[in-house]
Structure formats: structure tokens, C-alpha cells
C-alpha atoms as a PDB file:
ATOM      1  CA  MET A   1     111.335  77.841  32.030  1.00  0.00           C
ATOM      2  CA  ALA A   2     110.708  78.402  28.395  1.00  0.00           C
ATOM      3  CA  ILE A   3     107.302  78.925  26.896  1.00  0.00           C
ATOM      4  CA  ARG A   4     106.559  76.861  23.885  1.00  0.00           C
ATOM      5  CA  LYS A   5     104.671  78.237  20.989  1.00  0.00           C
ATOM      6  CA  THR A   6     102.678  75.874  18.851  1.00  0.00           C
ATOM      7  CA  LYS A   7     101.325  76.369  15.447  1.00  0.00           C
ATOM      8  CA  THR A   8      97.521  76.639  15.269  1.00  0.00           C
ATOM      9  CA  SER A   9      95.507  75.523  12.326  1.00  0.00           C
ATOM     10  CA  ALA A  10      92.693  77.487  10.724  1.00  0.00           C
ATOM     11  CA  VAL A  11      89.947  75.078  11.728  1.00  0.00           C
ATOM     12  CA  ALA A  12      86.570  76.534  12.680  1.00  0.00           C
ATOM     13  CA  PRO A  13      85.532  75.848  16.247  1.00  0.00           C
ATOM     14  CA  ALA A  14      82.851  73.210  16.760  1.00  0.00           C
ATOM     15  CA  LYS A  15      79.330  74.596  17.087  1.00  0.00           C
ATOM     16  CA  ALA A  16      77.228  73.832  20.111  1.00  0.00           C
ATOM     17  CA  PRO A  17      74.143  71.702  19.415  1.00  0.00           C
ATOM     18  CA  VAL A  18      70.958  73.638  18.748  1.00  0.00           C
ATOM     19  CA  ALA A  19      68.515  73.419  21.638  1.00  0.00           C
ATOM     20  CA  THR A  20      65.036  72.225  20.676  1.00  0.00           C
ATOM     21  CA  PRO A  21      62.030  73.426  22.641  1.00  0.00           C
ATOM     22  CA  ALA A  22      60.867  70.924  25.219  1.00  0.00           C
ATOM     23  CA  ALA A  23      57.352  69.530  24.935  1.00  0.00           C
ATOM     24  CA  ALA A  24      54.823  70.870  27.417  1.00  0.00           C
ATOM     25  CA  PRO A  25      54.312  68.503  30.335  1.00  0.00           C
ATOM     26  CA  THR A  26      51.149  66.445  30.290  1.00  0.00           C
ATOM     27  CA  PRO A  27      48.694  67.626  32.962  1.00  0.00           C
ATOM     28  CA  VAL A  28      48.129  65.151  35.733  1.00  0.00           C
ATOM     29  CA  ALA A  29      44.553  64.247  36.638  1.00  0.00           C
ATOM     30  CA  ARG A  30      43.822  65.189  40.216  1.00  0.00           C
ATOM     31  CA  SER A  31      41.294  63.861  42.643  1.00  0.00           C
ATOM     32  CA  GLU A  32      38.052  65.794  43.031  1.00  0.00           C
ATOM     33  CA  SER A  33      37.681  64.474  46.561  1.00  0.00           C
ATOM     34  CA  LYS A  34      40.806  66.376  47.539  1.00  0.00           C
ATOM     35  CA  GLY A  35      39.380  69.586  46.127  1.00  0.00           C
ATOM     36  CA  SER A  36      41.922  70.167  43.418  1.00  0.00           C
ATOM     37  CA  GLY A  37      39.345  71.925  41.277  1.00  0.00           C
ATOM     38  CA  THR A  38      40.230  70.069  38.086  1.00  0.00           C
ATOM     39  CA  LEU A  39      37.744  68.270  35.913  1.00  0.00           C
ATOM     40  CA  SER A  40      38.010  64.505  35.932  1.00  0.00           C
ATOM     41  CA  GLY A  41      35.610  61.619  35.877  1.00  0.00           C
ATOM     42  CA  LYS A  42      32.034  62.869  36.234  1.00  0.00           C
ATOM     43  CA  GLY A  43      33.174  66.494  36.246  1.00  0.00           C
ATOM     44  CA  ILE A  44      33.945  66.396  32.528  1.00  0.00           C
ATOM     45  CA  ALA A  45      30.463  65.195  31.632  1.00  0.00           C
ATOM     46  CA  SER A  46      28.857  67.943  33.678  1.00  0.00           C
ATOM     47  CA  ALA A  47      30.979  70.549  31.925  1.00  0.00           C
ATOM     48  CA  VAL A  48      29.526  69.586  28.548  1.00  0.00           C
ATOM     49  CA  LYS A  49      26.337  71.505  27.774  1.00  0.00           C
ATOM     50  CA  VAL A  50      23.620  69.346  26.239  1.00  0.00           C
ATOM     51  CA  PRO A  51      20.836  71.305  24.552  1.00  0.00           C
ATOM     52  CA  VAL A  52      17.443  71.106  26.232  1.00  0.00           C
ATOM     53  CA  THR A  53      14.687  69.891  23.908  1.00  0.00           C
ATOM     54  CA  HIS A  54      11.236  71.374  23.449  1.00  0.00           C
ATOM     55  CA  GLU A  55       9.679  68.154  24.782  1.00  0.00           C
ATOM     56  CA  GLN A  56      11.767  68.242  27.963  1.00  0.00           C
ATOM     57  CA  ILE A  57      10.726  71.823  28.665  1.00  0.00           C
ATOM     58  CA  ALA A  58       7.061  71.002  27.997  1.00  0.00           C
ATOM     59  CA  GLU A  59       7.171  68.004  30.357  1.00  0.00           C
ATOM     60  CA  ARG A  60       8.852  70.018  33.123  1.00  0.00           C
ATOM     61  CA  ALA A  61       6.380  72.916  32.700  1.00  0.00           C
ATOM     62  CA  TYR A  62       3.528  70.425  33.061  1.00  0.00           C
ATOM     63  CA  GLN A  63       5.132  69.035  36.235  1.00  0.00           C
ATOM     64  CA  ILE A  64       5.279  72.582  37.626  1.00  0.00           C
ATOM     65  CA  TYR A  65       1.571  72.993  36.775  1.00  0.00           C
ATOM     66  CA  LEU A  66       0.763  69.691  38.516  1.00  0.00           C
ATOM     67  CA  LYS A  67       2.787  70.693  41.573  1.00  0.00           C
ATOM     68  CA  ARG A  68       0.723  73.879  41.765  1.00  0.00           C
ATOM     69  CA  GLY A  69      -2.352  71.622  42.010  1.00  0.00           C
ATOM     70  CA  PHE A  70      -3.859  72.620  38.653  1.00  0.00           C
ATOM     71  CA  GLY A  71      -4.422  76.047  40.182  1.00  0.00           C
ATOM     72  CA  PRO A  72      -4.497  79.298  38.280  1.00  0.00           C
ATOM     73  CA  GLY A  73      -1.172  80.505  36.946  1.00  0.00           C
ATOM     74  CA  ASP A  74       0.655  81.606  33.880  1.00  0.00           C
ATOM     75  CA  ALA A  75       1.697  78.967  31.337  1.00  0.00           C
ATOM     76  CA  THR A  76       4.442  81.241  30.036  1.00  0.00           C
ATOM     77  CA  SER A  77       6.025  81.666  33.461  1.00  0.00           C
ATOM     78  CA  ASP A  78       5.783  77.876  33.994  1.00  0.00           C
ATOM     79  CA  TRP A  79       7.586  77.413  30.661  1.00  0.00           C
ATOM     80  CA  VAL A  80      10.318  79.912  31.515  1.00  0.00           C
ATOM     81  CA  GLU A  81      10.826  78.356  34.950  1.00  0.00           C
ATOM     82  CA  ALA A  82      10.977  74.854  33.459  1.00  0.00           C
ATOM     83  CA  GLU A  83      13.565  75.987  30.918  1.00  0.00           C
ATOM     84  CA  ARG A  84      15.630  77.678  33.638  1.00  0.00           C
ATOM     85  CA  GLN A  85      15.572  74.561  35.822  1.00  0.00           C
ATOM     86  CA  LEU A  86      16.561  72.237  33.002  1.00  0.00           C
ATOM     87  CA  LYS A  87      19.431  74.444  31.863  1.00  0.00           C
ATOM     88  CA  ALA A  88      20.646  74.668  35.460  1.00  0.00           C
ATOM     89  CA  GLY A  89      20.714  70.860  35.592  1.00  0.00           C
ATOM     90  CA  ARG A  90      17.904  70.298  38.039  1.00  0.00           C
END
């Protein structure tokens, strides 16, 4: 059997296509009832911090004073406690 030799041309080999980076997958919302730990629905709203106003703190401090039965106490500690409660979302 004879081996045939063929003439080759000086053509550059074809280049492979350039790979483009794939887009990041979109996160899927998960159910809070299943305990996935992701924020969805009401969880997003609770994650947003809304500043507490001076009037809200004053009203809550007064409620603390009323709950104490108008008894002796410290207005400053009532104020600090009211501010703490409001910032904690109570």
C-alpha cells in the first residue's frame, strides 16, 4: 500500500470562538415558612431601618411613666428606655 502525500496550503487554522463570561444566576426567592433564612415579603421591610422621631420617643417615654403609675422615677432613664424599645421595634 502506498502512502499518498498531498500538498498543504498556507492557510491559518480557524480560531476557536472567544468565550464570554456567563451572567450570574438570578437568586430565587425562598419561603420564610420553610426557614430558608432569606429575606422576602415582610422580611425586607423589617430589614429597612426607619429613623425614630423625637415625638415617637417622647410619646413612648410618657407611656412608660404612665405604666409606672405616675410614681417617682427618672425622666432620662424613661427616655433612654423608650428610645431603646422603639429602635428594637417594640
